[in-house]
């Protein structure tokens, strides 16, 4: 016969943290959205998010690879920065903004803005949501990209790039201002990319005026 201790151990294991089924993934995403809004991108931890969802932290690595991947899935950022940067940098620097806008528009349009739209809406009433997105854009996305490019004034450029992309998301998916909301990708890219490209690699201030 099995000992009582063995039976207690089986019961403890059955009541332990759950494994990696699809419901686990969804609960992790829900827990991550709440944790990122409450604590910001920098303050939220994999262990804390897993604890909130009632799962082992290893499940975060199993489903998302880590905190960065979990964040991008939770708020519908097209691709996590570690995977996005090589794609963005694979081509002429002067076409970088076009590639970035094309990737973001494809994912956002397919989901109608998705969780990113919900995040943008929440920013108008929750400072914590604004802080979360600001930290992510300035450190994990644009900050890293600008370091790769070797651009001057990376902090200023990162904030300008963020204003361009968040502003686009707000007007196209939340406010739904026409004709921008219904414009095709080619039109959006052609009109916004030049300004975004200047924020990424171009001169931020006018040069000295020429005298005759």
N, C-alpha and C. Protein backbone atom coordinates (compact mmCIF):
# COMPACT_ATOMS: atom_id res chain seq x y z
N UNK A 1 0.85 -1.21 0.00
CA UNK A 1 0.00 0.00 0.00
C UNK A 1 0.88 1.25 0.00
N UNK A 2 0.30 2.33 -0.58
CA UNK A 2 1.05 3.58 -0.57
C UNK A 2 0.96 4.21 0.81
N UNK A 3 2.03 4.82 1.21
CA UNK A 3 2.04 5.49 2.51
C UNK A 3 1.22 6.76 2.44
N UNK A 4 0.79 7.23 3.63
CA UNK A 4 0.04 8.48 3.67
C UNK A 4 0.88 9.65 3.15
N UNK A 5 2.19 9.57 3.43
CA UNK A 5 3.06 10.65 2.96
C UNK A 5 3.06 10.74 1.45
N UNK A 6 3.07 9.54 0.81
CA UNK A 6 3.06 9.53 -0.66
C UNK A 6 1.76 10.13 -1.18
N UNK A 7 0.65 9.78 -0.52
CA UNK A 7 -0.63 10.34 -0.95
C UNK A 7 -0.68 11.84 -0.77
N UNK A 8 -0.13 12.33 0.36
CA UNK A 8 -0.11 13.78 0.55
C UNK A 8 0.75 14.47 -0.51
N UNK A 9 1.85 13.82 -0.90
CA UNK A 9 2.72 14.41 -1.91
C UNK A 9 2.01 14.50 -3.25
N UNK A 10 1.24 13.42 -3.61
CA UNK A 10 0.50 13.47 -4.86
C UNK A 10 -0.52 14.60 -4.85
N UNK A 11 -1.21 14.74 -3.70
CA UNK A 11 -2.20 15.80 -3.60
C UNK A 11 -1.55 17.17 -3.76
N UNK A 12 -0.38 17.35 -3.12
CA UNK A 12 0.31 18.62 -3.21
C UNK A 12 0.71 18.94 -4.64
N UNK A 13 1.17 17.92 -5.37
CA UNK A 13 1.57 18.15 -6.75
C UNK A 13 0.38 18.49 -7.63
N UNK A 14 -0.74 17.78 -7.37
CA UNK A 14 -1.92 18.06 -8.18
C UNK A 14 -2.42 19.48 -7.97
N UNK A 15 -2.21 20.00 -6.74
CA UNK A 15 -2.69 21.34 -6.44
C UNK A 15 -1.64 22.42 -6.76
N UNK A 16 -0.52 22.02 -7.25
CA UNK A 16 0.56 22.97 -7.55
C UNK A 16 0.26 23.80 -8.77
N UNK A 17 1.27 24.46 -9.24
CA UNK A 17 1.11 25.33 -10.40
C UNK A 17 0.80 24.52 -11.63
N UNK A 18 -0.03 25.13 -12.50
CA UNK A 18 -0.51 24.41 -13.66
C UNK A 18 0.53 24.35 -14.77
N UNK A 19 0.32 23.41 -15.68
CA UNK A 19 1.22 23.23 -16.80
C UNK A 19 0.93 24.17 -17.93
N UNK A 20 1.52 23.87 -19.11
CA UNK A 20 1.50 24.83 -20.21
C UNK A 20 0.44 24.57 -21.24
N UNK A 21 -0.86 24.62 -20.87
CA UNK A 21 -1.91 24.49 -21.87
C UNK A 21 -2.29 25.86 -22.39
N UNK A 22 -3.25 25.89 -23.33
CA UNK A 22 -3.63 27.16 -23.95
C UNK A 22 -4.25 28.13 -22.95
N UNK A 23 -5.00 27.60 -21.97
CA UNK A 23 -5.58 28.50 -20.98
C UNK A 23 -4.50 29.18 -20.16
N UNK A 24 -3.39 28.48 -19.93
CA UNK A 24 -2.27 29.07 -19.21
C UNK A 24 -1.73 30.27 -19.97
N UNK A 25 -1.60 30.14 -21.28
CA UNK A 25 -1.09 31.25 -22.09
C UNK A 25 -2.00 32.46 -21.97
N UNK A 26 -3.31 32.24 -22.06
CA UNK A 26 -4.25 33.35 -21.96
C UNK A 26 -4.22 34.02 -20.60
N UNK A 27 -4.09 33.22 -19.54
CA UNK A 27 -4.05 33.78 -18.20
C UNK A 27 -2.75 34.55 -17.97
N UNK A 28 -1.68 34.08 -18.57
CA UNK A 28 -0.42 34.83 -18.48
C UNK A 28 -0.54 36.19 -19.17
N UNK A 29 -1.21 36.23 -20.32
CA UNK A 29 -1.38 37.50 -21.01
C UNK A 29 -2.22 38.46 -20.19
N UNK A 30 -3.31 37.96 -19.58
CA UNK A 30 -4.15 38.81 -18.74
C UNK A 30 -3.35 39.33 -17.55
N UNK A 31 -2.58 38.44 -16.92
CA UNK A 31 -1.78 38.85 -15.76
C UNK A 31 -0.71 39.86 -16.17
N UNK A 32 -0.14 39.66 -17.36
CA UNK A 32 0.92 40.56 -17.82
C UNK A 32 0.37 41.96 -18.08
N UNK A 33 -0.80 42.06 -18.71
CA UNK A 33 -1.38 43.38 -18.98
C UNK A 33 -1.60 44.13 -17.67
N UNK A 34 -2.14 43.44 -16.67
CA UNK A 34 -2.38 44.09 -15.39
C UNK A 34 -1.08 44.49 -14.72
N UNK A 35 -0.08 43.60 -14.75
CA UNK A 35 1.19 43.88 -14.08
C UNK A 35 1.95 45.01 -14.76
N UNK A 36 1.95 45.03 -16.09
CA UNK A 36 2.67 46.09 -16.80
C UNK A 36 2.03 47.45 -16.54
N UNK A 37 0.69 47.48 -16.49
CA UNK A 37 0.01 48.75 -16.23
C UNK A 37 0.27 49.22 -14.81
N UNK A 38 0.26 48.29 -13.86
CA UNK A 38 0.46 48.66 -12.46
C UNK A 38 1.90 49.07 -12.17
N UNK A 39 2.86 48.35 -12.74
CA UNK A 39 4.26 48.50 -12.35
C UNK A 39 5.16 49.09 -13.41
N UNK A 40 4.63 49.30 -14.63
CA UNK A 40 5.48 49.75 -15.72
C UNK A 40 6.27 48.60 -16.32
N UNK A 41 6.88 48.86 -17.48
CA UNK A 41 7.65 47.81 -18.14
C UNK A 41 8.86 47.41 -17.31
N UNK A 42 9.56 48.38 -16.75
CA UNK A 42 10.76 48.08 -15.98
C UNK A 42 10.44 47.40 -14.66
N UNK A 43 9.34 47.81 -14.00
CA UNK A 43 9.03 47.28 -12.68
C UNK A 43 8.40 45.91 -12.67
N UNK A 44 7.72 45.54 -13.74
CA UNK A 44 7.08 44.22 -13.80
C UNK A 44 8.14 43.13 -13.95
N UNK A 45 7.94 42.01 -13.26
CA UNK A 45 8.90 40.91 -13.33
C UNK A 45 8.22 39.65 -13.81
N UNK A 46 9.00 38.78 -14.42
CA UNK A 46 8.47 37.49 -14.88
C UNK A 46 7.92 36.70 -13.70
N UNK A 47 8.64 36.69 -12.60
CA UNK A 47 8.19 35.93 -11.43
C UNK A 47 6.87 36.49 -10.90
N UNK A 48 6.75 37.81 -10.85
CA UNK A 48 5.52 38.41 -10.35
C UNK A 48 4.33 38.14 -11.25
N UNK A 49 4.55 38.20 -12.56
CA UNK A 49 3.47 37.93 -13.51
C UNK A 49 3.04 36.47 -13.42
N UNK A 50 4.01 35.57 -13.34
CA UNK A 50 3.68 34.15 -13.23
C UNK A 50 2.91 33.87 -11.94
N UNK A 51 3.32 34.49 -10.85
CA UNK A 51 2.62 34.31 -9.58
C UNK A 51 1.19 34.80 -9.67
N UNK A 52 0.97 35.92 -10.32
CA UNK A 52 -0.38 36.46 -10.49
C UNK A 52 -1.25 35.51 -11.29
N UNK A 53 -0.65 34.85 -12.29
CA UNK A 53 -1.40 33.91 -13.12
C UNK A 53 -1.50 32.52 -12.49
N UNK A 54 -0.72 32.28 -11.42
CA UNK A 54 -0.75 30.98 -10.76
C UNK A 54 -0.02 29.89 -11.52
N UNK A 55 1.04 30.27 -12.23
CA UNK A 55 1.80 29.29 -13.00
C UNK A 55 3.28 29.41 -12.66
N UNK A 56 4.04 28.44 -13.09
CA UNK A 56 5.49 28.47 -12.88
C UNK A 56 6.11 29.51 -13.82
N UNK A 57 7.11 30.27 -13.37
CA UNK A 57 7.78 31.23 -14.26
C UNK A 57 8.33 30.60 -15.53
N UNK A 58 8.61 29.31 -15.50
CA UNK A 58 9.11 28.65 -16.70
C UNK A 58 8.11 28.71 -17.84
N UNK A 59 6.82 28.86 -17.50
CA UNK A 59 5.79 28.93 -18.54
C UNK A 59 5.92 30.22 -19.35
N UNK A 60 6.44 31.28 -18.73
CA UNK A 60 6.67 32.51 -19.48
C UNK A 60 7.73 32.27 -20.55
N UNK A 61 8.79 31.59 -20.17
CA UNK A 61 9.83 31.27 -21.16
C UNK A 61 9.30 30.30 -22.21
N UNK A 62 8.45 29.36 -21.78
CA UNK A 62 7.91 28.37 -22.71
C UNK A 62 7.06 29.03 -23.79
N UNK A 63 6.18 29.93 -23.39
CA UNK A 63 5.24 30.52 -24.34
C UNK A 63 5.80 31.76 -25.04
N UNK A 64 6.61 32.57 -24.34
CA UNK A 64 6.97 33.88 -24.86
C UNK A 64 8.47 34.15 -24.93
N UNK A 65 9.28 33.31 -24.35
CA UNK A 65 10.72 33.50 -24.39
C UNK A 65 11.27 34.40 -23.30
N UNK A 66 10.43 35.20 -22.65
CA UNK A 66 10.89 36.10 -21.61
C UNK A 66 9.96 37.30 -21.49
N UNK A 67 10.36 38.28 -20.69
CA UNK A 67 9.49 39.43 -20.43
C UNK A 67 9.24 40.25 -21.69
N UNK A 68 10.24 40.42 -22.51
CA UNK A 68 10.09 41.22 -23.72
C UNK A 68 9.05 40.61 -24.65
N UNK A 69 9.16 39.30 -24.87
CA UNK A 69 8.19 38.63 -25.72
C UNK A 69 6.79 38.65 -25.13
N UNK A 70 6.69 38.53 -23.81
CA UNK A 70 5.39 38.58 -23.15
C UNK A 70 4.76 39.96 -23.31
N UNK A 71 5.55 41.00 -23.17
CA UNK A 71 5.01 42.35 -23.33
C UNK A 71 4.48 42.57 -24.74
N UNK A 72 5.27 42.20 -25.74
CA UNK A 72 4.86 42.45 -27.11
C UNK A 72 3.59 41.67 -27.45
N UNK A 73 3.43 40.46 -26.89
CA UNK A 73 2.21 39.69 -27.12
C UNK A 73 1.03 40.32 -26.39
N UNK A 74 1.27 40.83 -25.18
CA UNK A 74 0.18 41.37 -24.36
C UNK A 74 -0.40 42.64 -24.95
N UNK A 75 0.42 43.46 -25.59
CA UNK A 75 -0.09 44.73 -26.13
C UNK A 75 -0.06 44.77 -27.65
N UNK A 76 0.16 43.62 -28.28
CA UNK A 76 0.10 43.50 -29.74
C UNK A 76 1.10 44.39 -30.46
N UNK A 77 2.32 44.49 -29.92
CA UNK A 77 3.42 45.07 -30.69
C UNK A 77 3.77 44.05 -31.77
N UNK A 78 3.97 44.46 -33.02
CA UNK A 78 4.11 43.50 -34.12
C UNK A 78 5.10 42.37 -33.86
N UNK A 79 6.32 42.67 -33.47
CA UNK A 79 7.33 41.64 -33.25
C UNK A 79 8.16 42.11 -32.07
N UNK A 80 8.57 41.20 -31.20
CA UNK A 80 9.39 41.63 -30.09
C UNK A 80 10.70 42.22 -30.61
N UNK A 81 11.22 43.25 -29.94
CA UNK A 81 12.37 43.98 -30.45
C UNK A 81 13.56 43.12 -30.82
N UNK A 82 13.85 42.08 -30.03
CA UNK A 82 15.00 41.24 -30.34
C UNK A 82 14.91 40.59 -31.70
N UNK A 83 13.68 40.31 -32.15
CA UNK A 83 13.47 39.72 -33.47
C UNK A 83 13.21 40.78 -34.52
N UNK A 84 12.67 41.93 -34.08
CA UNK A 84 12.32 42.99 -35.02
C UNK A 84 13.56 43.72 -35.55
N UNK A 85 14.52 43.97 -34.67
CA UNK A 85 15.66 44.79 -35.08
C UNK A 85 16.42 44.23 -36.27
N UNK A 86 16.73 42.93 -36.31
CA UNK A 86 17.45 42.43 -37.50
C UNK A 86 16.65 42.64 -38.78
N UNK A 87 15.33 42.54 -38.71
CA UNK A 87 14.50 42.75 -39.90
C UNK A 87 14.53 44.22 -40.32
N UNK A 88 14.45 45.11 -39.34
CA UNK A 88 14.47 46.53 -39.65
C UNK A 88 15.82 46.96 -40.23
N UNK A 89 16.88 46.38 -39.70
CA UNK A 89 18.23 46.77 -40.13
C UNK A 89 18.67 46.07 -41.40
N UNK A 90 17.86 45.16 -41.90
CA UNK A 90 18.20 44.41 -43.11
C UNK A 90 17.76 45.20 -44.34
N UNK A 91 18.53 46.19 -44.69
CA UNK A 91 18.21 47.04 -45.83
C UNK A 91 18.84 48.40 -45.67
N UNK A 92 18.69 49.26 -46.66
CA UNK A 92 19.30 50.59 -46.59
C UNK A 92 18.75 51.38 -45.40
N UNK A 93 19.62 52.08 -44.69
CA UNK A 93 19.19 52.89 -43.55
C UNK A 93 18.16 53.93 -43.96
N UNK A 94 18.29 54.45 -45.17
CA UNK A 94 17.38 55.52 -45.58
C UNK A 94 15.95 55.02 -45.84
N UNK A 95 15.74 53.70 -45.82
CA UNK A 95 14.39 53.14 -45.98
C UNK A 95 13.90 52.49 -44.69
N UNK A 96 14.58 52.77 -43.60
CA UNK A 96 14.25 52.15 -42.31
C UNK A 96 12.83 52.50 -41.86
N UNK A 97 12.45 53.75 -41.96
CA UNK A 97 11.13 54.17 -41.52
C UNK A 97 10.04 53.49 -42.34
N UNK A 98 10.26 53.31 -43.62
CA UNK A 98 9.27 52.63 -44.46
C UNK A 98 9.07 51.19 -44.00
N UNK A 99 10.17 50.50 -43.69
CA UNK A 99 10.05 49.11 -43.24
C UNK A 99 9.33 49.04 -41.90
N UNK A 100 9.65 49.96 -41.00
CA UNK A 100 9.00 49.95 -39.69
C UNK A 100 7.50 50.19 -39.80
N UNK A 101 7.12 51.20 -40.52
CA UNK A 101 5.70 51.51 -40.67
C UNK A 101 4.95 50.36 -41.34
N UNK A 102 5.55 49.76 -42.35
CA UNK A 102 4.90 48.64 -43.03
C UNK A 102 4.62 47.48 -42.09
N UNK A 103 5.60 47.14 -41.23
CA UNK A 103 5.43 46.04 -40.29
C UNK A 103 4.33 46.34 -39.27
N UNK A 104 4.37 47.54 -38.70
CA UNK A 104 3.39 47.89 -37.68
C UNK A 104 1.99 47.96 -38.27
N UNK A 105 1.84 48.59 -39.41
CA UNK A 105 0.51 48.72 -40.01
C UNK A 105 -0.09 47.36 -40.35
N UNK A 106 0.71 46.44 -40.85
CA UNK A 106 0.21 45.13 -41.22
C UNK A 106 -0.41 44.42 -40.03
N UNK A 107 0.27 44.44 -38.90
CA UNK A 107 -0.24 43.75 -37.71
C UNK A 107 -1.41 44.50 -37.10
N UNK A 108 -1.28 45.81 -36.96
CA UNK A 108 -2.35 46.58 -36.32
C UNK A 108 -3.63 46.53 -37.14
N UNK A 109 -3.54 46.65 -38.45
CA UNK A 109 -4.74 46.63 -39.28
C UNK A 109 -5.43 45.27 -39.22
N UNK A 110 -4.63 44.21 -39.20
CA UNK A 110 -5.22 42.87 -39.15
C UNK A 110 -6.04 42.66 -37.89
N UNK A 111 -5.59 43.27 -36.78
CA UNK A 111 -6.28 43.11 -35.50
C UNK A 111 -7.18 44.29 -35.18
N UNK A 112 -7.33 45.23 -36.12
CA UNK A 112 -8.13 46.41 -35.84
C UNK A 112 -7.56 47.26 -34.72
N UNK A 113 -6.26 47.19 -34.56
CA UNK A 113 -5.61 47.91 -33.48
C UNK A 113 -5.34 47.01 -32.29
N UNK A 114 -6.23 46.04 -32.03
CA UNK A 114 -6.04 45.03 -30.99
C UNK A 114 -5.78 45.62 -29.62
N UNK A 115 -4.98 44.89 -28.84
CA UNK A 115 -4.68 45.32 -27.48
C UNK A 115 -3.92 46.65 -27.45
N UNK A 116 -3.21 46.95 -28.54
CA UNK A 116 -2.50 48.22 -28.58
C UNK A 116 -3.49 49.38 -28.51
N UNK A 117 -4.65 49.24 -29.18
CA UNK A 117 -5.67 50.27 -29.13
C UNK A 117 -6.19 50.44 -27.71
N UNK A 118 -6.42 49.30 -27.02
CA UNK A 118 -6.88 49.38 -25.64
C UNK A 118 -5.85 50.08 -24.76
N UNK A 119 -4.58 49.83 -25.02
CA UNK A 119 -3.53 50.48 -24.25
C UNK A 119 -3.53 51.98 -24.51
N UNK A 120 -3.66 52.38 -25.76
CA UNK A 120 -3.67 53.80 -26.09
C UNK A 120 -4.85 54.49 -25.42
N UNK A 121 -6.02 53.84 -25.44
CA UNK A 121 -7.19 54.42 -24.77
C UNK A 121 -6.93 54.60 -23.28
N UNK A 122 -6.34 53.59 -22.66
CA UNK A 122 -6.13 53.65 -21.22
C UNK A 122 -5.13 54.74 -20.84
N UNK A 123 -4.27 55.12 -21.77
CA UNK A 123 -3.27 56.15 -21.48
C UNK A 123 -3.92 57.48 -21.15
N UNK A 124 -5.12 57.72 -21.69
CA UNK A 124 -5.77 59.00 -21.45
C UNK A 124 -6.28 59.14 -20.02
N UNK A 125 -6.42 58.03 -19.32
CA UNK A 125 -6.96 58.09 -17.96
C UNK A 125 -6.04 57.46 -16.93
N UNK A 126 -4.99 56.75 -17.37
CA UNK A 126 -4.11 56.08 -16.42
C UNK A 126 -2.66 56.43 -16.71
N UNK A 127 -2.07 57.16 -15.79
CA UNK A 127 -0.66 57.52 -15.92
C UNK A 127 0.21 56.28 -15.98
N UNK A 128 -0.20 55.21 -15.27
CA UNK A 128 0.61 54.00 -15.24
C UNK A 128 0.71 53.36 -16.61
N UNK A 129 -0.38 53.41 -17.39
CA UNK A 129 -0.34 52.86 -18.74
C UNK A 129 0.60 53.67 -19.62
N UNK A 130 0.59 54.98 -19.45
CA UNK A 130 1.50 55.83 -20.21
C UNK A 130 2.95 55.54 -19.85
N UNK A 131 3.20 55.36 -18.55
CA UNK A 131 4.57 55.07 -18.11
C UNK A 131 5.05 53.74 -18.69
N UNK A 132 4.17 52.74 -18.72
CA UNK A 132 4.53 51.42 -19.23
C UNK A 132 4.97 51.51 -20.68
N UNK A 133 4.17 52.18 -21.50
CA UNK A 133 4.51 52.28 -22.93
C UNK A 133 5.75 53.14 -23.14
N UNK A 134 5.87 54.20 -22.36
CA UNK A 134 7.03 55.08 -22.50
C UNK A 134 8.32 54.33 -22.20
N UNK A 135 8.34 53.54 -21.13
CA UNK A 135 9.53 52.79 -20.78
C UNK A 135 9.89 51.77 -21.86
N UNK A 136 8.86 51.10 -22.39
CA UNK A 136 9.13 50.08 -23.40
C UNK A 136 9.69 50.72 -24.66
N UNK A 137 9.07 51.79 -25.13
CA UNK A 137 9.52 52.42 -26.37
C UNK A 137 10.92 53.01 -26.23
N UNK A 138 11.19 53.62 -25.07
CA UNK A 138 12.46 54.31 -24.91
C UNK A 138 13.62 53.37 -24.65
N UNK A 139 13.35 52.21 -24.03
CA UNK A 139 14.46 51.30 -23.69
C UNK A 139 14.55 50.10 -24.63
N UNK A 140 13.45 49.39 -24.80
CA UNK A 140 13.52 48.12 -25.51
C UNK A 140 13.43 48.28 -27.03
N UNK A 141 12.72 49.27 -27.51
CA UNK A 141 12.50 49.38 -28.96
C UNK A 141 13.37 50.47 -29.58
N UNK A 142 12.97 51.71 -29.47
CA UNK A 142 13.68 52.77 -30.17
C UNK A 142 15.07 53.01 -29.59
N UNK A 143 15.20 52.90 -28.27
CA UNK A 143 16.53 53.10 -27.68
C UNK A 143 17.53 52.11 -28.22
N UNK A 144 17.13 50.85 -28.31
CA UNK A 144 18.04 49.82 -28.82
C UNK A 144 18.32 50.03 -30.30
N UNK A 145 17.30 50.37 -31.06
CA UNK A 145 17.47 50.59 -32.50
C UNK A 145 18.43 51.75 -32.76
N UNK A 146 18.27 52.83 -32.03
CA UNK A 146 19.11 54.00 -32.25
C UNK A 146 20.56 53.74 -31.85
N UNK A 147 20.76 52.90 -30.84
CA UNK A 147 22.14 52.53 -30.49
C UNK A 147 22.78 51.74 -31.62
N UNK A 148 22.01 50.85 -32.23
CA UNK A 148 22.52 50.08 -33.37
C UNK A 148 22.89 51.00 -34.53
N UNK A 149 22.10 52.03 -34.73
CA UNK A 149 22.35 52.96 -35.83
C UNK A 149 23.50 53.91 -35.53
N UNK A 150 23.81 54.10 -34.24
CA UNK A 150 24.85 55.05 -33.86
C UNK A 150 24.40 56.49 -34.02
N UNK A 151 23.10 56.75 -33.94
CA UNK A 151 22.59 58.11 -34.12
C UNK A 151 22.92 58.98 -32.91
N UNK A 152 23.11 60.26 -33.16
CA UNK A 152 23.34 61.20 -32.05
C UNK A 152 22.03 61.47 -31.33
N UNK A 153 22.12 61.99 -30.12
CA UNK A 153 20.96 62.35 -29.29
C UNK A 153 19.91 61.24 -29.26
N UNK A 154 20.30 60.03 -28.87
CA UNK A 154 19.36 58.90 -28.94
C UNK A 154 18.13 59.07 -28.06
N UNK A 155 18.26 59.72 -26.90
CA UNK A 155 17.09 59.89 -26.04
C UNK A 155 16.05 60.78 -26.70
N UNK A 156 16.49 61.89 -27.27
CA UNK A 156 15.57 62.79 -27.96
C UNK A 156 14.94 62.09 -29.15
N UNK A 157 15.76 61.41 -29.93
CA UNK A 157 15.23 60.72 -31.11
C UNK A 157 14.22 59.64 -30.71
N UNK A 158 14.50 58.90 -29.64
CA UNK A 158 13.57 57.85 -29.21
C UNK A 158 12.22 58.44 -28.83
N UNK A 159 12.23 59.57 -28.14
CA UNK A 159 10.96 60.19 -27.76
C UNK A 159 10.21 60.72 -28.97
N UNK A 160 10.93 61.25 -29.95
CA UNK A 160 10.27 61.74 -31.17
C UNK A 160 9.68 60.58 -31.97
N UNK A 161 10.43 59.48 -32.09
CA UNK A 161 9.90 58.30 -32.79
C UNK A 161 8.66 57.76 -32.09
N UNK A 162 8.74 57.71 -30.76
CA UNK A 162 7.58 57.24 -30.01
C UNK A 162 6.36 58.12 -30.22
N UNK A 163 6.57 59.44 -30.26
CA UNK A 163 5.44 60.34 -30.47
C UNK A 163 4.81 60.11 -31.84
N UNK A 164 5.63 59.81 -32.83
CA UNK A 164 5.12 59.57 -34.18
C UNK A 164 4.29 58.30 -34.24
N UNK A 165 4.80 57.20 -33.65
CA UNK A 165 4.11 55.92 -33.75
C UNK A 165 2.87 55.87 -32.85
N UNK A 166 2.97 56.40 -31.64
CA UNK A 166 1.79 56.41 -30.75
C UNK A 166 0.74 57.36 -31.32
N UNK A 167 1.17 58.49 -31.86
CA UNK A 167 0.23 59.41 -32.48
C UNK A 167 -0.50 58.77 -33.65
N UNK A 168 0.22 58.02 -34.46
CA UNK A 168 -0.41 57.30 -35.57
C UNK A 168 -1.43 56.30 -35.05
N UNK A 169 -1.04 55.53 -34.03
CA UNK A 169 -1.98 54.56 -33.46
C UNK A 169 -3.22 55.21 -32.91
N UNK A 170 -3.05 56.34 -32.23
CA UNK A 170 -4.18 57.06 -31.65
C UNK A 170 -5.15 57.54 -32.72
N UNK A 171 -4.62 58.22 -33.75
CA UNK A 171 -5.49 58.83 -34.75
C UNK A 171 -6.12 57.81 -35.69
N UNK A 172 -5.41 56.72 -35.98
CA UNK A 172 -5.92 55.73 -36.94
C UNK A 172 -6.88 54.74 -36.28
N UNK A 173 -6.62 54.33 -35.04
CA UNK A 173 -7.39 53.25 -34.45
C UNK A 173 -8.29 53.65 -33.29
N UNK A 174 -7.99 54.77 -32.63
CA UNK A 174 -8.81 55.20 -31.49
C UNK A 174 -9.74 56.34 -31.91
N UNK A 175 -9.17 57.46 -32.34
CA UNK A 175 -9.98 58.58 -32.79
C UNK A 175 -10.64 58.26 -34.13
N UNK A 176 -9.95 57.45 -34.92
CA UNK A 176 -10.43 57.05 -36.26
C UNK A 176 -10.71 58.27 -37.14
N UNK A 177 -9.77 59.16 -37.16
CA UNK A 177 -9.93 60.37 -37.97
C UNK A 177 -9.70 60.07 -39.44
N UNK A 178 -10.67 60.38 -40.25
CA UNK A 178 -10.55 60.22 -41.70
C UNK A 178 -9.94 61.47 -42.31
N UNK A 179 -9.21 61.29 -43.41
CA UNK A 179 -9.04 60.04 -44.17
C UNK A 179 -7.91 59.13 -43.68
N UNK A 180 -7.22 59.50 -42.60
CA UNK A 180 -6.11 58.66 -42.13
C UNK A 180 -6.58 57.28 -41.72
N UNK A 181 -7.72 57.18 -41.04
CA UNK A 181 -8.18 55.89 -40.53
C UNK A 181 -8.41 54.88 -41.64
N UNK A 182 -8.85 55.36 -42.80
CA UNK A 182 -9.14 54.45 -43.89
C UNK A 182 -8.11 54.44 -45.00
N UNK A 183 -7.02 55.16 -44.81
CA UNK A 183 -5.99 55.25 -45.86
C UNK A 183 -5.27 53.93 -46.03
N UNK A 184 -4.88 53.62 -47.26
CA UNK A 184 -4.13 52.38 -47.51
C UNK A 184 -2.70 52.53 -46.99
N UNK A 185 -2.03 51.39 -46.88
CA UNK A 185 -0.68 51.40 -46.31
C UNK A 185 0.28 52.27 -47.11
N UNK A 186 0.16 52.21 -48.42
CA UNK A 186 1.08 52.97 -49.26
C UNK A 186 0.99 54.47 -48.97
N UNK A 187 -0.25 54.96 -48.78
CA UNK A 187 -0.44 56.38 -48.50
C UNK A 187 0.12 56.75 -47.13
N UNK A 188 -0.16 55.92 -46.13
CA UNK A 188 0.33 56.20 -44.77
C UNK A 188 1.86 56.21 -44.75
N UNK A 189 2.45 55.20 -45.36
CA UNK A 189 3.91 55.11 -45.36
C UNK A 189 4.52 56.29 -46.11
N UNK A 190 3.97 56.62 -47.27
CA UNK A 190 4.54 57.69 -48.08
C UNK A 190 4.48 59.04 -47.38
N UNK A 191 3.46 59.26 -46.56
CA UNK A 191 3.29 60.58 -45.94
C UNK A 191 3.97 60.69 -44.57
N UNK A 192 4.09 59.58 -43.85
CA UNK A 192 4.65 59.63 -42.49
C UNK A 192 6.12 59.24 -42.46
N UNK A 193 6.54 58.34 -43.35
CA UNK A 193 7.91 57.83 -43.31
C UNK A 193 8.98 58.92 -43.39
N UNK A 194 8.84 59.96 -44.21
CA UNK A 194 9.91 60.96 -44.26
C UNK A 194 10.18 61.62 -42.91
N UNK A 195 9.12 61.90 -42.15
CA UNK A 195 9.32 62.53 -40.86
C UNK A 195 9.91 61.55 -39.85
N UNK A 196 9.41 60.31 -39.86
CA UNK A 196 9.96 59.29 -38.96
C UNK A 196 11.42 59.01 -39.30
N UNK A 197 11.74 58.99 -40.59
CA UNK A 197 13.13 58.75 -40.99
C UNK A 197 14.05 59.85 -40.47
N UNK A 198 13.58 61.08 -40.50
CA UNK A 198 14.40 62.18 -39.98
C UNK A 198 14.65 62.00 -38.48
N UNK A 199 13.64 61.55 -37.76
CA UNK A 199 13.82 61.29 -36.33
C UNK A 199 14.83 60.17 -36.09
N UNK A 200 14.89 59.21 -36.99
CA UNK A 200 15.79 58.07 -36.82
C UNK A 200 17.23 58.40 -37.20
N UNK A 201 17.42 59.03 -38.34
CA UNK A 201 18.78 59.18 -38.86
C UNK A 201 19.13 60.57 -39.37
N UNK A 202 18.14 61.43 -39.54
CA UNK A 202 18.40 62.72 -40.17
C UNK A 202 18.77 63.80 -39.19
N UNK A 203 19.07 65.00 -39.69
CA UNK A 203 19.38 66.13 -38.81
C UNK A 203 18.12 66.58 -38.07
N UNK A 204 18.25 66.81 -36.78
CA UNK A 204 17.10 67.21 -35.97
C UNK A 204 16.92 68.72 -35.97
N UNK A 205 17.95 69.44 -36.31
CA UNK A 205 17.88 70.90 -36.28
C UNK A 205 18.37 71.45 -37.61
N UNK A 206 17.84 72.59 -38.01
CA UNK A 206 18.31 73.17 -39.29
C UNK A 206 19.78 73.56 -39.19
N UNK A 207 20.47 73.38 -40.29
CA UNK A 207 21.88 73.77 -40.32
C UNK A 207 22.02 75.28 -40.40
N UNK A 208 23.24 75.77 -40.34
CA UNK A 208 23.45 77.23 -40.43
C UNK A 208 23.00 77.75 -41.77
N UNK A 209 22.35 78.88 -41.75
CA UNK A 209 21.85 79.47 -42.99
C UNK A 209 23.03 79.98 -43.83
N UNK A 210 22.84 79.87 -45.10
CA UNK A 210 23.89 80.34 -46.02
C UNK A 210 23.75 81.84 -46.25
N UNK A 211 24.87 82.47 -46.36
CA UNK A 211 24.84 83.91 -46.67
C UNK A 211 25.35 84.12 -48.07
N UNK A 212 24.81 85.09 -48.73
CA UNK A 212 25.22 85.36 -50.11
C UNK A 212 26.51 86.14 -50.13
